[in-house]
Amino acid sequence: MSAWIRMIADDEASPTLREMLERVRTPHGTVDNVMRVHSLRPHTMAGHVALYKSVLHNPDNTLPFWFLEVLACCTSIVNRCDYSLTHHFMNVRRLLDDDQRAFAIKAALEANAPEQTFSGKELALVRYVAKLTARPGDMAKADIEALRGAGCDDGEILEVNQVCAYFNYSNRLLNGLGVTTEGDVIGYYKGN
């Protein structure tokens, strides 16, 4: 566990915090520091985990989970959030089960050249996320019209917007409190 503020360990947790820690355990059975950093205010952990699960793990989402994880990486690269990039790139790798493709995607995102690995609707969505993260005040109706022109429906646009908005929140939480991956099991999904 590592952050610039105190995080409460399981053995020091109040009953309320213990209950929240059980709710946020990963499939590995651990509590990642992104959640544990809320331990001084468990009610904020409740809101965080609800938003996280709704944007990345809800079966009602229509875009593939691997692509939503790519958008998480895109946002985290723009924000220079190593914590989220480390976790969510591992998710991309596990969900794609194709390291060559996964690393090509990461390299393209880091080079701000998503056209090297994406085209069409996916490319338009990656560009939307990068712009929304870097220049939210420059967003215009034309950005949504461009997504529709690339074949996106409004539900997909909303899914992508919410992933981007969530990761901007999470990246600021992590970077602003100096949260590291120390002690975390990297990635949400279990390895093959």
N, C-alpha and C. Protein backbone atom coordinates (compact mmCIF):
# COMPACT_ATOMS: atom_id res chain seq x y z
N MET A 1 0.85 -1.18 0.00
CA MET A 1 0.00 0.00 0.00
C MET A 1 0.89 1.23 0.00
N SER A 2 0.62 2.12 -0.94
CA SER A 2 1.44 3.32 -0.99
C SER A 2 0.65 4.48 -1.59
N ALA A 3 0.62 5.58 -0.86
CA ALA A 3 -0.01 6.83 -1.31
C ALA A 3 0.56 7.94 -0.43
N TRP A 4 0.26 9.16 -0.80
CA TRP A 4 0.73 10.30 -0.02
C TRP A 4 -0.15 10.56 1.19
N ILE A 5 -1.30 9.89 1.29
CA ILE A 5 -2.14 9.99 2.48
C ILE A 5 -2.23 8.60 3.11
N ARG A 6 -2.67 8.56 4.34
CA ARG A 6 -2.80 7.29 5.07
C ARG A 6 -3.92 6.44 4.48
N MET A 7 -3.63 5.16 4.33
CA MET A 7 -4.65 4.19 3.92
C MET A 7 -4.77 3.17 5.05
N ILE A 8 -5.98 2.78 5.34
CA ILE A 8 -6.23 1.88 6.47
C ILE A 8 -6.18 0.43 6.00
N ALA A 9 -5.39 -0.36 6.69
CA ALA A 9 -5.26 -1.79 6.40
C ALA A 9 -6.50 -2.54 6.89
N ASP A 10 -6.72 -3.72 6.33
CA ASP A 10 -7.88 -4.53 6.70
C ASP A 10 -7.97 -4.74 8.21
N ASP A 11 -6.85 -5.02 8.86
CA ASP A 11 -6.88 -5.34 10.29
C ASP A 11 -7.15 -4.13 11.18
N GLU A 12 -7.11 -2.93 10.62
CA GLU A 12 -7.42 -1.71 11.37
C GLU A 12 -8.80 -1.15 11.03
N ALA A 13 -9.50 -1.79 10.11
CA ALA A 13 -10.74 -1.23 9.56
C ALA A 13 -11.90 -1.31 10.54
N SER A 14 -12.70 -0.25 10.55
CA SER A 14 -13.95 -0.24 11.31
C SER A 14 -14.93 -1.20 10.64
N PRO A 15 -16.02 -1.55 11.29
CA PRO A 15 -17.00 -2.43 10.64
C PRO A 15 -17.54 -1.86 9.32
N THR A 16 -17.77 -0.57 9.26
CA THR A 16 -18.26 0.06 8.03
C THR A 16 -17.22 -0.07 6.92
N LEU A 17 -15.99 0.22 7.25
CA LEU A 17 -14.93 0.11 6.25
C LEU A 17 -14.73 -1.34 5.85
N ARG A 18 -14.76 -2.25 6.79
CA ARG A 18 -14.60 -3.68 6.46
C ARG A 18 -15.65 -4.12 5.45
N GLU A 19 -16.88 -3.67 5.65
CA GLU A 19 -17.97 -4.01 4.72
C GLU A 19 -17.68 -3.46 3.32
N MET A 20 -17.19 -2.22 3.24
CA MET A 20 -16.87 -1.63 1.94
C MET A 20 -15.70 -2.37 1.29
N LEU A 21 -14.69 -2.71 2.06
CA LEU A 21 -13.54 -3.41 1.50
C LEU A 21 -13.96 -4.76 0.91
N GLU A 22 -14.92 -5.41 1.52
CA GLU A 22 -15.42 -6.67 0.96
C GLU A 22 -16.13 -6.42 -0.37
N ARG A 23 -16.83 -5.30 -0.49
CA ARG A 23 -17.55 -4.97 -1.73
C ARG A 23 -16.63 -4.65 -2.89
N VAL A 24 -15.42 -4.17 -2.59
CA VAL A 24 -14.53 -3.72 -3.67
C VAL A 24 -13.41 -4.71 -3.99
N ARG A 25 -13.43 -5.87 -3.38
CA ARG A 25 -12.39 -6.85 -3.67
C ARG A 25 -12.44 -7.25 -5.14
N THR A 26 -11.25 -7.42 -5.71
CA THR A 26 -11.14 -7.82 -7.11
C THR A 26 -11.38 -9.33 -7.23
N PRO A 27 -11.48 -9.84 -8.44
CA PRO A 27 -11.58 -11.29 -8.60
C PRO A 27 -10.39 -12.04 -8.00
N HIS A 28 -9.29 -11.34 -7.75
CA HIS A 28 -8.10 -11.94 -7.12
C HIS A 28 -8.27 -12.03 -5.60
N GLY A 29 -9.32 -11.37 -5.07
CA GLY A 29 -9.53 -11.36 -3.62
C GLY A 29 -8.82 -10.24 -2.89
N THR A 30 -8.25 -9.30 -3.65
CA THR A 30 -7.49 -8.20 -3.06
C THR A 30 -8.25 -6.88 -3.19
N VAL A 31 -7.79 -5.88 -2.47
CA VAL A 31 -8.32 -4.52 -2.60
C VAL A 31 -7.21 -3.68 -3.20
N ASP A 32 -7.44 -3.19 -4.42
CA ASP A 32 -6.44 -2.34 -5.07
C ASP A 32 -6.36 -0.99 -4.39
N ASN A 33 -5.19 -0.38 -4.47
CA ASN A 33 -4.95 0.91 -3.83
C ASN A 33 -5.87 2.01 -4.35
N VAL A 34 -6.35 1.89 -5.59
CA VAL A 34 -7.28 2.88 -6.14
C VAL A 34 -8.55 2.95 -5.28
N MET A 35 -8.94 1.85 -4.68
CA MET A 35 -10.09 1.85 -3.78
C MET A 35 -9.66 2.10 -2.33
N ARG A 36 -8.56 1.48 -1.92
CA ARG A 36 -8.12 1.62 -0.53
C ARG A 36 -7.80 3.07 -0.18
N VAL A 37 -7.41 3.88 -1.15
CA VAL A 37 -7.09 5.27 -0.85
C VAL A 37 -8.31 6.03 -0.31
N HIS A 38 -9.50 5.48 -0.51
CA HIS A 38 -10.74 6.06 0.04
C HIS A 38 -10.99 5.65 1.48
N SER A 39 -10.12 4.85 2.07
CA SER A 39 -10.43 4.21 3.35
C SER A 39 -10.72 5.18 4.49
N LEU A 40 -10.25 6.40 4.42
CA LEU A 40 -10.57 7.38 5.46
C LEU A 40 -11.99 7.93 5.31
N ARG A 41 -12.59 7.74 4.13
CA ARG A 41 -13.96 8.16 3.85
C ARG A 41 -14.65 7.07 3.02
N PRO A 42 -15.08 5.97 3.66
CA PRO A 42 -15.62 4.83 2.91
C PRO A 42 -16.80 5.16 2.01
N HIS A 43 -17.56 6.21 2.35
CA HIS A 43 -18.70 6.56 1.50
C HIS A 43 -18.25 6.99 0.10
N THR A 44 -17.05 7.55 -0.03
CA THR A 44 -16.57 7.91 -1.37
C THR A 44 -16.14 6.65 -2.13
N MET A 45 -15.70 5.63 -1.42
CA MET A 45 -15.36 4.35 -2.05
C MET A 45 -16.61 3.73 -2.67
N ALA A 46 -17.74 3.86 -1.99
CA ALA A 46 -19.00 3.29 -2.51
C ALA A 46 -19.36 3.92 -3.86
N GLY A 47 -19.26 5.23 -3.94
CA GLY A 47 -19.55 5.90 -5.20
C GLY A 47 -18.56 5.54 -6.29
N HIS A 48 -17.31 5.45 -5.93
CA HIS A 48 -16.27 5.13 -6.90
C HIS A 48 -16.49 3.74 -7.50
N VAL A 49 -16.69 2.74 -6.67
CA VAL A 49 -16.83 1.38 -7.19
C VAL A 49 -18.11 1.24 -8.02
N ALA A 50 -19.17 1.93 -7.66
CA ALA A 50 -20.41 1.87 -8.45
C ALA A 50 -20.18 2.43 -9.85
N LEU A 51 -19.51 3.56 -9.94
CA LEU A 51 -19.22 4.16 -11.24
C LEU A 51 -18.28 3.28 -12.06
N TYR A 52 -17.23 2.79 -11.43
CA TYR A 52 -16.26 1.92 -12.10
C TYR A 52 -16.95 0.71 -12.72
N LYS A 53 -17.74 0.02 -11.93
CA LYS A 53 -18.38 -1.20 -12.44
C LYS A 53 -19.40 -0.89 -13.53
N SER A 54 -20.08 0.24 -13.42
CA SER A 54 -21.09 0.56 -14.44
C SER A 54 -20.47 0.93 -15.78
N VAL A 55 -19.29 1.55 -15.78
CA VAL A 55 -18.71 1.96 -17.06
C VAL A 55 -17.83 0.89 -17.69
N LEU A 56 -17.24 -0.01 -16.90
CA LEU A 56 -16.31 -0.99 -17.48
C LEU A 56 -16.78 -2.44 -17.41
N HIS A 57 -17.68 -2.77 -16.50
CA HIS A 57 -17.99 -4.18 -16.30
C HIS A 57 -19.48 -4.49 -16.40
N ASN A 58 -20.27 -3.59 -16.91
CA ASN A 58 -21.71 -3.84 -17.00
C ASN A 58 -22.04 -4.60 -18.28
N PRO A 59 -22.74 -5.72 -18.18
CA PRO A 59 -23.06 -6.50 -19.38
C PRO A 59 -23.99 -5.78 -20.35
N ASP A 60 -24.61 -4.69 -19.93
CA ASP A 60 -25.47 -3.94 -20.84
C ASP A 60 -24.69 -3.03 -21.77
N ASN A 61 -23.39 -2.84 -21.51
CA ASN A 61 -22.56 -2.09 -22.47
C ASN A 61 -22.50 -2.89 -23.76
N THR A 62 -22.45 -2.19 -24.88
CA THR A 62 -22.46 -2.89 -26.17
C THR A 62 -21.08 -2.94 -26.83
N LEU A 63 -20.20 -2.02 -26.49
CA LEU A 63 -18.85 -2.06 -27.04
C LEU A 63 -18.05 -3.16 -26.34
N PRO A 64 -17.12 -3.78 -27.03
CA PRO A 64 -16.34 -4.85 -26.40
C PRO A 64 -15.54 -4.33 -25.21
N PHE A 65 -15.48 -5.16 -24.17
CA PHE A 65 -14.76 -4.75 -22.96
C PHE A 65 -13.30 -4.43 -23.26
N TRP A 66 -12.65 -5.16 -24.17
CA TRP A 66 -11.24 -4.87 -24.47
C TRP A 66 -11.10 -3.46 -25.02
N PHE A 67 -12.09 -3.01 -25.83
CA PHE A 67 -12.00 -1.68 -26.41
C PHE A 67 -12.26 -0.61 -25.35
N LEU A 68 -13.18 -0.86 -24.43
CA LEU A 68 -13.39 0.09 -23.34
C LEU A 68 -12.11 0.23 -22.51
N GLU A 69 -11.38 -0.88 -22.33
CA GLU A 69 -10.11 -0.84 -21.62
C GLU A 69 -9.06 -0.04 -22.41
N VAL A 70 -9.08 -0.14 -23.74
CA VAL A 70 -8.19 0.67 -24.58
C VAL A 70 -8.47 2.15 -24.34
N LEU A 71 -9.74 2.51 -24.26
CA LEU A 71 -10.10 3.91 -24.02
C LEU A 71 -9.65 4.36 -22.64
N ALA A 72 -9.69 3.46 -21.66
CA ALA A 72 -9.15 3.76 -20.33
C ALA A 72 -7.65 4.06 -20.44
N CYS A 73 -6.95 3.26 -21.24
CA CYS A 73 -5.51 3.49 -21.45
C CYS A 73 -5.26 4.81 -22.15
N CYS A 74 -6.06 5.11 -23.15
CA CYS A 74 -5.90 6.37 -23.89
C CYS A 74 -6.03 7.56 -22.94
N THR A 75 -7.08 7.56 -22.14
CA THR A 75 -7.29 8.65 -21.18
C THR A 75 -6.11 8.73 -20.20
N SER A 76 -5.66 7.59 -19.72
CA SER A 76 -4.58 7.55 -18.74
C SER A 76 -3.25 7.99 -19.33
N ILE A 77 -3.02 7.71 -20.60
CA ILE A 77 -1.80 8.18 -21.27
C ILE A 77 -1.82 9.70 -21.38
N VAL A 78 -2.94 10.25 -21.82
CA VAL A 78 -3.05 11.71 -21.95
C VAL A 78 -2.83 12.37 -20.59
N ASN A 79 -3.37 11.76 -19.53
CA ASN A 79 -3.24 12.32 -18.17
C ASN A 79 -1.95 11.93 -17.46
N ARG A 80 -1.12 11.11 -18.12
CA ARG A 80 0.12 10.62 -17.53
C ARG A 80 -0.13 9.94 -16.18
N CYS A 81 -1.12 9.07 -16.16
CA CYS A 81 -1.45 8.31 -14.95
C CYS A 81 -0.93 6.89 -15.12
N ASP A 82 0.27 6.66 -14.60
CA ASP A 82 0.90 5.34 -14.72
C ASP A 82 0.10 4.25 -14.01
N TYR A 83 -0.52 4.59 -12.88
CA TYR A 83 -1.29 3.59 -12.13
C TYR A 83 -2.39 2.98 -13.01
N SER A 84 -3.25 3.83 -13.56
CA SER A 84 -4.36 3.32 -14.38
C SER A 84 -3.84 2.65 -15.64
N LEU A 85 -2.83 3.22 -16.25
CA LEU A 85 -2.29 2.61 -17.47
C LEU A 85 -1.76 1.21 -17.17
N THR A 86 -1.05 1.06 -16.08
CA THR A 86 -0.50 -0.25 -15.73
C THR A 86 -1.61 -1.29 -15.56
N HIS A 87 -2.63 -0.96 -14.80
CA HIS A 87 -3.73 -1.89 -14.56
C HIS A 87 -4.54 -2.16 -15.84
N HIS A 88 -4.90 -1.12 -16.54
CA HIS A 88 -5.84 -1.29 -17.65
C HIS A 88 -5.17 -1.78 -18.92
N PHE A 89 -3.88 -1.54 -19.06
CA PHE A 89 -3.19 -2.18 -20.18
C PHE A 89 -3.10 -3.69 -19.95
N MET A 90 -2.91 -4.10 -18.70
CA MET A 90 -2.93 -5.54 -18.41
C MET A 90 -4.30 -6.12 -18.77
N ASN A 91 -5.35 -5.36 -18.51
CA ASN A 91 -6.70 -5.83 -18.89
C ASN A 91 -6.82 -5.97 -20.40
N VAL A 92 -6.29 -5.00 -21.15
CA VAL A 92 -6.30 -5.10 -22.62
C VAL A 92 -5.58 -6.39 -23.04
N ARG A 93 -4.42 -6.61 -22.49
CA ARG A 93 -3.64 -7.81 -22.84
C ARG A 93 -4.42 -9.09 -22.55
N ARG A 94 -5.03 -9.16 -21.39
CA ARG A 94 -5.75 -10.38 -21.02
C ARG A 94 -7.01 -10.57 -21.86
N LEU A 95 -7.73 -9.49 -22.13
CA LEU A 95 -8.97 -9.62 -22.89
C LEU A 95 -8.72 -9.89 -24.37
N LEU A 96 -7.68 -9.27 -24.93
CA LEU A 96 -7.34 -9.52 -26.33
C LEU A 96 -6.68 -10.88 -26.52
N ASP A 97 -5.90 -11.29 -25.53
CA ASP A 97 -5.13 -12.53 -25.62
C ASP A 97 -4.26 -12.54 -26.88
N ASP A 98 -3.67 -11.37 -27.17
CA ASP A 98 -2.81 -11.18 -28.34
C ASP A 98 -1.82 -10.07 -27.98
N ASP A 99 -0.70 -10.45 -27.36
CA ASP A 99 0.26 -9.45 -26.91
C ASP A 99 0.81 -8.59 -28.03
N GLN A 100 1.02 -9.17 -29.19
CA GLN A 100 1.55 -8.37 -30.30
C GLN A 100 0.59 -7.22 -30.62
N ARG A 101 -0.67 -7.52 -30.72
CA ARG A 101 -1.67 -6.48 -31.01
C ARG A 101 -1.78 -5.50 -29.84
N ALA A 102 -1.81 -6.02 -28.63
CA ALA A 102 -1.95 -5.15 -27.45
C ALA A 102 -0.80 -4.14 -27.37
N PHE A 103 0.44 -4.62 -27.55
CA PHE A 103 1.58 -3.71 -27.47
C PHE A 103 1.62 -2.73 -28.65
N ALA A 104 1.12 -3.15 -29.81
CA ALA A 104 1.03 -2.23 -30.95
C ALA A 104 0.02 -1.12 -30.65
N ILE A 105 -1.09 -1.48 -30.04
CA ILE A 105 -2.10 -0.48 -29.65
C ILE A 105 -1.50 0.50 -28.65
N LYS A 106 -0.82 -0.02 -27.63
CA LYS A 106 -0.23 0.86 -26.61
C LYS A 106 0.79 1.81 -27.24
N ALA A 107 1.64 1.29 -28.12
CA ALA A 107 2.65 2.13 -28.77
C ALA A 107 1.99 3.22 -29.61
N ALA A 108 0.92 2.87 -30.32
CA ALA A 108 0.22 3.85 -31.15
C ALA A 108 -0.41 4.94 -30.28
N LEU A 109 -1.01 4.55 -29.16
CA LEU A 109 -1.61 5.54 -28.26
C LEU A 109 -0.54 6.44 -27.67
N GLU A 110 0.58 5.86 -27.25
CA GLU A 110 1.66 6.66 -26.66
C GLU A 110 2.29 7.61 -27.67
N ALA A 111 2.26 7.25 -28.94
CA ALA A 111 2.80 8.10 -30.00
C ALA A 111 1.77 9.10 -30.52
N ASN A 112 0.58 9.09 -29.92
CA ASN A 112 -0.53 9.92 -30.39
C ASN A 112 -0.80 9.66 -31.87
N ALA A 113 -0.75 8.39 -32.24
CA ALA A 113 -0.97 7.97 -33.63
C ALA A 113 -1.91 6.77 -33.67
N PRO A 114 -3.14 6.93 -33.15
CA PRO A 114 -4.04 5.79 -33.08
C PRO A 114 -4.40 5.20 -34.45
N GLU A 115 -4.20 5.98 -35.50
CA GLU A 115 -4.48 5.48 -36.86
C GLU A 115 -3.56 4.33 -37.25
N GLN A 116 -2.48 4.13 -36.50
CA GLN A 116 -1.58 3.00 -36.77
C GLN A 116 -2.23 1.66 -36.43
N THR A 117 -3.22 1.67 -35.53
CA THR A 117 -3.84 0.41 -35.12
C THR A 117 -5.36 0.41 -35.21
N PHE A 118 -5.95 1.57 -35.45
CA PHE A 118 -7.41 1.66 -35.52
C PHE A 118 -7.85 2.37 -36.78
N SER A 119 -9.08 2.10 -37.17
CA SER A 119 -9.70 2.80 -38.30
C SER A 119 -11.19 2.92 -38.00
N GLY A 120 -11.88 3.64 -38.85
CA GLY A 120 -13.34 3.73 -38.77
C GLY A 120 -13.85 4.19 -37.43
N LYS A 121 -14.88 3.51 -36.96
CA LYS A 121 -15.55 3.87 -35.72
C LYS A 121 -14.59 3.85 -34.53
N GLU A 122 -13.76 2.83 -34.43
CA GLU A 122 -12.84 2.74 -33.29
C GLU A 122 -11.87 3.92 -33.27
N LEU A 123 -11.34 4.29 -34.44
CA LEU A 123 -10.42 5.42 -34.51
C LEU A 123 -11.12 6.71 -34.09
N ALA A 124 -12.34 6.90 -34.56
CA ALA A 124 -13.09 8.10 -34.20
C ALA A 124 -13.32 8.17 -32.69
N LEU A 125 -13.62 7.04 -32.07
CA LEU A 125 -13.85 7.02 -30.63
C LEU A 125 -12.57 7.28 -29.84
N VAL A 126 -11.46 6.74 -30.27
CA VAL A 126 -10.18 7.01 -29.61
C VAL A 126 -9.85 8.50 -29.71
N ARG A 127 -10.03 9.07 -30.87
CA ARG A 127 -9.74 10.50 -31.04
C ARG A 127 -10.65 11.37 -30.17
N TYR A 128 -11.93 10.98 -30.07
CA TYR A 128 -12.88 11.70 -29.22
C TYR A 128 -12.40 11.69 -27.76
N VAL A 129 -11.99 10.52 -27.28
CA VAL A 129 -11.53 10.39 -25.90
C VAL A 129 -10.28 11.23 -25.65
N ALA A 130 -9.35 11.20 -26.59
CA ALA A 130 -8.12 11.98 -26.43
C ALA A 130 -8.43 13.47 -26.37
N LYS A 131 -9.32 13.93 -27.23
CA LYS A 131 -9.67 15.36 -27.22
C LYS A 131 -10.44 15.72 -25.95
N LEU A 132 -11.41 14.89 -25.57
CA LEU A 132 -12.20 15.19 -24.37
C LEU A 132 -11.32 15.23 -23.12
N THR A 133 -10.30 14.41 -23.08
CA THR A 133 -9.39 14.39 -21.93
C THR A 133 -8.47 15.62 -21.93
N ALA A 134 -7.88 15.92 -23.08
CA ALA A 134 -6.89 17.00 -23.14
C ALA A 134 -7.50 18.39 -23.23
N ARG A 135 -8.66 18.50 -23.91
CA ARG A 135 -9.23 19.82 -24.18
C ARG A 135 -10.75 19.82 -24.01
N PRO A 136 -11.24 19.55 -22.81
CA PRO A 136 -12.69 19.43 -22.63
C PRO A 136 -13.45 20.70 -23.01
N GLY A 137 -12.85 21.85 -22.84
CA GLY A 137 -13.52 23.10 -23.19
C GLY A 137 -13.65 23.33 -24.68
N ASP A 138 -12.94 22.55 -25.49
CA ASP A 138 -13.00 22.68 -26.94
C ASP A 138 -14.03 21.75 -27.58
N MET A 139 -14.71 20.94 -26.79
CA MET A 139 -15.69 20.01 -27.36
C MET A 139 -16.85 20.79 -27.97
N ALA A 140 -17.34 20.25 -29.09
CA ALA A 140 -18.43 20.91 -29.81
C ALA A 140 -19.38 19.84 -30.36
N LYS A 141 -20.55 20.28 -30.74
CA LYS A 141 -21.54 19.36 -31.32
C LYS A 141 -20.96 18.62 -32.52
N ALA A 142 -20.07 19.27 -33.24
CA ALA A 142 -19.44 18.65 -34.40
C ALA A 142 -18.67 17.38 -34.02
N ASP A 143 -18.15 17.31 -32.79
CA ASP A 143 -17.44 16.11 -32.35
C ASP A 143 -18.39 14.91 -32.29
N ILE A 144 -19.59 15.14 -31.84
CA ILE A 144 -20.60 14.07 -31.77
C ILE A 144 -21.07 13.72 -33.18
N GLU A 145 -21.26 14.73 -34.00
CA GLU A 145 -21.68 14.47 -35.38
C GLU A 145 -20.63 13.66 -36.14
N ALA A 146 -19.35 13.91 -35.86
CA ALA A 146 -18.27 13.13 -36.49
C ALA A 146 -18.34 11.67 -36.05
N LEU A 147 -18.66 11.44 -34.78
CA LEU A 147 -18.80 10.06 -34.30
C LEU A 147 -19.97 9.35 -34.99
N ARG A 148 -21.07 10.06 -35.11
CA ARG A 148 -22.21 9.47 -35.83
C ARG A 148 -21.84 9.17 -37.27
N GLY A 149 -21.10 10.09 -37.90
CA GLY A 149 -20.67 9.90 -39.28
C GLY A 149 -19.74 8.70 -39.43
N ALA A 150 -19.03 8.34 -38.36
CA ALA A 150 -18.14 7.17 -38.38
C ALA A 150 -18.88 5.87 -38.06
N GLY A 151 -20.19 5.99 -37.78
CA GLY A 151 -20.99 4.78 -37.55
C GLY A 151 -21.34 4.51 -36.10
N CYS A 152 -21.06 5.45 -35.21
CA CYS A 152 -21.39 5.26 -33.80
C CYS A 152 -22.85 5.62 -33.54
N ASP A 153 -23.52 4.83 -32.71
CA ASP A 153 -24.85 5.24 -32.29
C ASP A 153 -24.74 5.99 -30.96
N ASP A 154 -25.81 6.66 -30.58
CA ASP A 154 -25.75 7.51 -29.39
C ASP A 154 -25.45 6.74 -28.11
N GLY A 155 -25.91 5.50 -28.01
CA GLY A 155 -25.60 4.67 -26.84
C GLY A 155 -24.12 4.38 -26.75
N GLU A 156 -23.48 4.08 -27.87
CA GLU A 156 -22.03 3.85 -27.88
C GLU A 156 -21.28 5.12 -27.51
N ILE A 157 -21.75 6.24 -28.01
CA ILE A 157 -21.11 7.53 -27.68
C ILE A 157 -21.19 7.77 -26.18
N LEU A 158 -22.35 7.48 -25.60
CA LEU A 158 -22.50 7.66 -24.15
C LEU A 158 -21.58 6.71 -23.38
N GLU A 159 -21.48 5.45 -23.81
CA GLU A 159 -20.58 4.50 -23.14
C GLU A 159 -19.15 5.04 -23.12
N VAL A 160 -18.69 5.50 -24.27
CA VAL A 160 -17.32 6.00 -24.40
C VAL A 160 -17.13 7.27 -23.58
N ASN A 161 -18.10 8.15 -23.62
CA ASN A 161 -18.04 9.38 -22.82
C ASN A 161 -17.90 9.04 -21.34
N GLN A 162 -18.64 8.04 -20.88
CA GLN A 162 -18.61 7.69 -19.46
C GLN A 162 -17.30 7.03 -19.06
N VAL A 163 -16.72 6.21 -19.93
CA VAL A 163 -15.41 5.64 -19.65
C VAL A 163 -14.38 6.76 -19.53
N CYS A 164 -14.42 7.68 -20.47
CA CYS A 164 -13.48 8.81 -20.44
C CYS A 164 -13.68 9.66 -19.18
N ALA A 165 -14.92 9.98 -18.87
CA ALA A 165 -15.20 10.80 -17.68
C ALA A 165 -14.75 10.09 -16.41
N TYR A 166 -15.04 8.81 -16.30
CA TYR A 166 -14.61 8.05 -15.13
C TYR A 166 -13.09 8.07 -14.99
N PHE A 167 -12.36 7.81 -16.09
CA PHE A 167 -10.91 7.76 -15.97
C PHE A 167 -10.30 9.13 -15.73
N ASN A 168 -10.93 10.19 -16.18
CA ASN A 168 -10.43 11.51 -15.80
C ASN A 168 -10.58 11.72 -14.29
N TYR A 169 -11.70 11.27 -13.73
CA TYR A 169 -11.89 11.31 -12.28
C TYR A 169 -10.83 10.45 -11.58
N SER A 170 -10.73 9.21 -11.99
CA SER A 170 -9.83 8.27 -11.34
C SER A 170 -8.36 8.69 -11.47
N ASN A 171 -7.97 9.14 -12.66
CA ASN A 171 -6.58 9.58 -12.86
C ASN A 171 -6.24 10.74 -11.93
N ARG A 172 -7.17 11.65 -11.72
CA ARG A 172 -6.92 12.78 -10.84
C ARG A 172 -6.86 12.34 -9.38
N LEU A 173 -7.70 11.39 -9.01
CA LEU A 173 -7.64 10.82 -7.67
C LEU A 173 -6.25 10.20 -7.44
N LEU A 174 -5.82 9.37 -8.36
CA LEU A 174 -4.56 8.64 -8.22
C LEU A 174 -3.35 9.57 -8.27
N ASN A 175 -3.27 10.42 -9.29
CA ASN A 175 -2.13 11.33 -9.42
C ASN A 175 -2.10 12.35 -8.28
N GLY A 176 -3.27 12.83 -7.90
CA GLY A 176 -3.35 13.86 -6.86
C GLY A 176 -3.01 13.37 -5.47
N LEU A 177 -3.13 12.05 -5.24
CA LEU A 177 -2.82 11.50 -3.91
C LEU A 177 -1.59 10.60 -3.94
N GLY A 178 -0.89 10.55 -5.08
CA GLY A 178 0.35 9.79 -5.16
C GLY A 178 0.17 8.29 -4.96
N VAL A 179 -0.94 7.75 -5.43
CA VAL A 179 -1.22 6.33 -5.25
C VAL A 179 -0.36 5.51 -6.20
N THR A 180 0.27 4.45 -5.67
CA THR A 180 1.09 3.56 -6.49
C THR A 180 0.45 2.17 -6.53
N THR A 181 0.99 1.33 -7.39
CA THR A 181 0.50 -0.04 -7.51
C THR A 181 1.15 -0.98 -6.48
N GLU A 182 1.96 -0.44 -5.59
CA GLU A 182 2.66 -1.27 -4.60
C GLU A 182 1.66 -2.12 -3.81
N GLY A 183 1.80 -3.43 -3.91
CA GLY A 183 0.92 -4.35 -3.21
C GLY A 183 -0.31 -4.79 -4.00
N ASP A 184 -0.58 -4.14 -5.12
CA ASP A 184 -1.72 -4.51 -5.96
C ASP A 184 -1.40 -5.77 -6.78
N VAL A 185 -2.42 -6.53 -7.11
CA VAL A 185 -2.32 -7.54 -8.16
C VAL A 185 -2.74 -6.81 -9.43
N ILE A 186 -1.86 -6.74 -10.42
CA ILE A 186 -2.09 -5.88 -11.58
C ILE A 186 -3.14 -6.48 -12.51
N GLY A 187 -4.13 -5.65 -12.85
CA GLY A 187 -5.21 -6.05 -13.75
C GLY A 187 -6.39 -6.63 -13.00
N TYR A 188 -7.57 -6.36 -13.53
CA TYR A 188 -8.81 -6.84 -12.92
C TYR A 188 -9.06 -8.30 -13.24
N TYR A 189 -8.80 -8.66 -14.49
CA TYR A 189 -9.10 -10.01 -14.94
C TYR A 189 -7.97 -10.95 -14.57
N LYS A 190 -8.34 -12.17 -14.23
CA LYS A 190 -7.33 -13.18 -13.92
C LYS A 190 -6.65 -13.59 -15.22
N GLY A 191 -5.35 -13.89 -15.13
CA GLY A 191 -4.57 -14.30 -16.28
C GLY A 191 -4.96 -15.68 -16.77
N ASN A 192 -4.60 -15.93 -18.02
CA ASN A 192 -4.90 -17.25 -18.61
C ASN A 192 -3.96 -18.30 -18.06
